[in-house]
């Protein structure tokens, strides 16, 4: 479940068709399973068009998800490992944009990989994203402290492995 959630997330901010070159926010991600058990993650996000993102999870465990072009790297410092993946296995951004439906009141619906993705906007900034993951957990991501057109050097989105980090390629 955790791996899917982390890989699925970076796509959605790009899917929001809003006018900015970069975007940053704090986020709270809540995942609820079928038994109503919840786990909440907190962190910060920075996105840069056309295809870069960094999701920095702070709680309950530290984890960074780097998206740079077609490559996704999930770095888990507590495990001393970095997992390298190809983004091609994730839903198409273009597909979501083409199929997004304005539901009124700043709410939108898109389909991604046969799943509904809902998001809301206010003042051209994303407020939240909700969807059911592949395990049918309900996922909600709420954004706060949103800022657009922030300074984001390309080097921010590049993971640099240090000695002692296990590299796993998928």
Protein backbone atom coordinates (compact mmCIF):
# COMPACT_ATOMS: atom_id res chain seq x y z
CA UNK A 1 0.00 0.00 0.00
CA UNK A 2 2.65 2.54 0.99
CA UNK A 3 4.67 2.12 -2.19
CA UNK A 4 1.63 2.61 -4.43
CA UNK A 5 0.55 5.72 -2.59
CA UNK A 6 3.95 7.30 -2.84
CA UNK A 7 4.24 6.57 -6.54
CA UNK A 8 0.75 7.68 -7.39
CA UNK A 9 0.96 11.06 -5.66
CA UNK A 10 3.47 12.96 -7.77
CA UNK A 11 1.29 12.66 -10.84
CA UNK A 12 -1.71 14.48 -9.41
CA UNK A 13 -0.25 17.91 -8.82
CA UNK A 14 0.83 18.06 -12.44
CA UNK A 15 -2.67 16.99 -13.47
CA UNK A 16 -4.11 20.18 -12.03
CA UNK A 17 -4.28 22.49 -15.00
CA UNK A 18 -3.35 25.75 -13.28
CA UNK A 19 -1.18 28.66 -14.20
CA UNK A 20 2.16 28.33 -12.41
CA UNK A 21 5.70 27.28 -13.19
CA UNK A 22 6.34 25.92 -9.71
CA UNK A 23 4.26 25.21 -6.63
CA UNK A 24 4.99 24.45 -2.99
CA UNK A 25 2.77 23.43 -0.10
CA UNK A 26 2.62 21.55 3.14
CA UNK A 27 0.42 18.47 3.01
CA UNK A 28 -1.43 16.06 5.22
CA UNK A 29 -2.20 12.70 3.64
CA UNK A 30 -4.74 10.45 5.34
CA UNK A 31 -5.17 6.84 4.24
CA UNK A 32 -8.26 5.00 5.53
CA UNK A 33 -8.69 1.27 5.05
CA UNK A 34 -11.94 -0.73 4.81
CA UNK A 35 -11.97 -1.18 8.61
CA UNK A 36 -11.86 2.62 9.09
CA UNK A 37 -8.30 2.46 10.44
CA UNK A 38 -6.36 5.58 9.51
CA UNK A 39 -2.75 6.51 9.10
CA UNK A 40 -1.77 10.14 8.62
CA UNK A 41 1.37 11.40 6.93
CA UNK A 42 2.64 15.00 7.02
CA UNK A 43 5.20 16.70 4.88
CA UNK A 44 6.01 19.29 2.27
CA UNK A 45 5.79 19.27 -1.51
CA UNK A 46 7.46 21.26 -4.25
CA UNK A 47 6.59 20.88 -7.93
CA UNK A 48 8.22 22.37 -11.00
CA UNK A 49 6.84 22.13 -14.51
CA UNK A 50 7.01 20.24 -16.68
CA UNK A 51 7.85 17.04 -14.81
CA UNK A 52 9.61 17.51 -11.47
CA UNK A 53 8.36 17.02 -7.90
CA UNK A 54 9.70 16.36 -4.44
CA UNK A 55 7.38 14.96 -1.78
CA UNK A 56 9.16 15.15 1.59
CA UNK A 57 7.35 13.07 4.20
CA UNK A 58 8.22 14.16 7.75
CA UNK A 59 5.82 12.10 9.93
CA UNK A 60 5.30 9.38 10.96
CA UNK A 61 8.54 8.42 9.17
CA UNK A 62 10.91 10.41 7.02
CA UNK A 63 10.75 9.60 3.31
CA UNK A 64 11.48 11.57 0.15
CA UNK A 65 9.93 10.91 -3.25
CA UNK A 66 11.86 12.49 -6.13
CA UNK A 67 10.16 12.76 -9.51
CA UNK A 68 12.45 13.91 -12.30
CA UNK A 69 11.22 13.30 -15.81
CA UNK A 70 10.46 9.62 -16.22
CA UNK A 71 12.37 8.59 -13.10
CA UNK A 72 10.94 8.22 -9.58
CA UNK A 73 13.21 7.64 -6.60
CA UNK A 74 11.83 6.79 -3.16
CA UNK A 75 14.50 7.44 -0.52
CA UNK A 76 13.94 6.03 2.97
CA UNK A 77 16.74 7.22 5.28
CA UNK A 78 15.68 4.99 8.19
CA UNK A 79 16.14 1.96 5.92
CA UNK A 80 19.24 3.41 4.20
CA UNK A 81 17.74 2.60 0.82
CA UNK A 82 16.65 4.28 -2.38
CA UNK A 83 14.27 2.59 -4.82
CA UNK A 84 14.57 3.69 -8.45
CA UNK A 85 11.52 3.23 -10.67
CA UNK A 86 10.31 4.26 -14.07
CA UNK A 87 7.30 6.61 -14.07
CA UNK A 88 5.85 4.97 -17.19
CA UNK A 89 3.95 2.57 -14.96
CA UNK A 90 1.98 5.47 -13.48
CA UNK A 91 -1.19 6.98 -14.95
CA UNK A 92 -0.87 9.43 -17.82
CA UNK A 93 -1.08 13.09 -16.90
CA UNK A 94 -2.47 13.87 -20.34
CA UNK A 95 -5.22 11.29 -19.86
CA UNK A 96 -6.34 12.89 -16.61
CA UNK A 97 -6.29 16.41 -18.07
CA UNK A 98 -8.30 15.41 -21.14
CA UNK A 99 -10.93 13.66 -19.04
CA UNK A 100 -11.21 16.10 -16.12
CA UNK A 101 -14.78 17.27 -15.57
CA UNK A 102 -15.63 20.55 -13.86
CA UNK A 103 -18.18 19.62 -11.22
CA UNK A 104 -18.74 23.25 -10.21
CA UNK A 105 -17.74 25.12 -7.10
CA UNK A 106 -14.03 24.56 -7.71
CA UNK A 107 -14.40 20.76 -7.70
CA UNK A 108 -13.13 18.52 -10.48
CA UNK A 109 -13.19 14.84 -11.33
CA UNK A 110 -10.71 12.95 -13.47
CA UNK A 111 -10.23 9.29 -14.25
CA UNK A 112 -6.84 7.67 -13.92
CA UNK A 113 -6.28 4.01 -14.60
CA UNK A 114 -10.00 3.32 -14.21
CA UNK A 115 -10.14 5.09 -10.83
CA UNK A 116 -11.89 8.36 -10.05
CA UNK A 117 -9.69 11.19 -8.78
CA UNK A 118 -11.35 14.22 -7.20
CA UNK A 119 -9.65 17.53 -6.55
CA UNK A 120 -10.69 20.97 -5.49
CA UNK A 121 -9.24 24.36 -6.37
CA UNK A 122 -9.46 27.80 -4.79
CA UNK A 123 -7.83 30.93 -6.17
CA UNK A 124 -6.07 28.76 -8.81
CA UNK A 125 -4.40 26.66 -6.10
CA UNK A 126 -5.08 23.01 -5.27
CA UNK A 127 -6.81 22.50 -1.93
CA UNK A 128 -7.16 18.72 -1.75
CA UNK A 129 -7.08 15.49 -3.73
CA UNK A 130 -9.07 12.34 -2.95
CA UNK A 131 -9.01 8.91 -4.55
CA UNK A 132 -9.15 5.19 -3.81
CA UNK A 133 -5.80 3.45 -4.22
CA UNK A 134 -5.32 0.02 -5.80
CA UNK A 135 -6.05 -1.63 -2.42
CA UNK A 136 -9.31 0.39 -2.19
CA UNK A 137 -7.98 2.49 0.68
CA UNK A 138 -9.44 5.98 0.69
CA UNK A 139 -6.70 8.57 0.29
CA UNK A 140 -7.11 12.25 1.01
CA UNK A 141 -4.36 14.83 0.59
CA UNK A 142 -4.97 18.30 2.02
CA UNK A 143 -2.69 21.19 1.12
CA UNK A 144 -1.86 24.23 3.22
CA UNK A 145 0.58 27.16 2.88
CA UNK A 146 0.31 26.89 -0.90
CA UNK A 147 2.58 29.15 -2.94
CA UNK A 148 3.03 29.34 -6.65
CA UNK A 149 6.06 30.36 -8.71
CA UNK A 150 8.55 29.62 -5.92
CA UNK A 151 12.28 29.30 -6.52
CA UNK A 152 13.03 25.66 -7.29
CA UNK A 153 16.44 24.87 -8.75
CA UNK A 154 16.57 21.66 -10.80
CA UNK A 155 19.16 20.23 -8.40
CA UNK A 156 16.44 20.07 -5.72
CA UNK A 157 14.79 17.22 -7.63
CA UNK A 158 17.95 15.12 -8.00
CA UNK A 159 18.67 12.42 -5.45
CA UNK A 160 22.34 12.02 -4.62
CA UNK A 161 23.09 8.69 -3.01
CA UNK A 162 25.76 8.71 -0.35
CA UNK A 163 27.98 5.84 0.75
CA UNK A 164 26.07 3.15 2.61
CA UNK A 165 22.76 3.65 0.78
CA UNK A 166 21.35 0.50 -0.81
CA UNK A 167 20.14 1.16 -4.36
CA UNK A 168 17.21 -0.94 -5.60
CA UNK A 169 16.20 -0.68 -9.25
CA UNK A 170 12.76 -1.82 -10.36
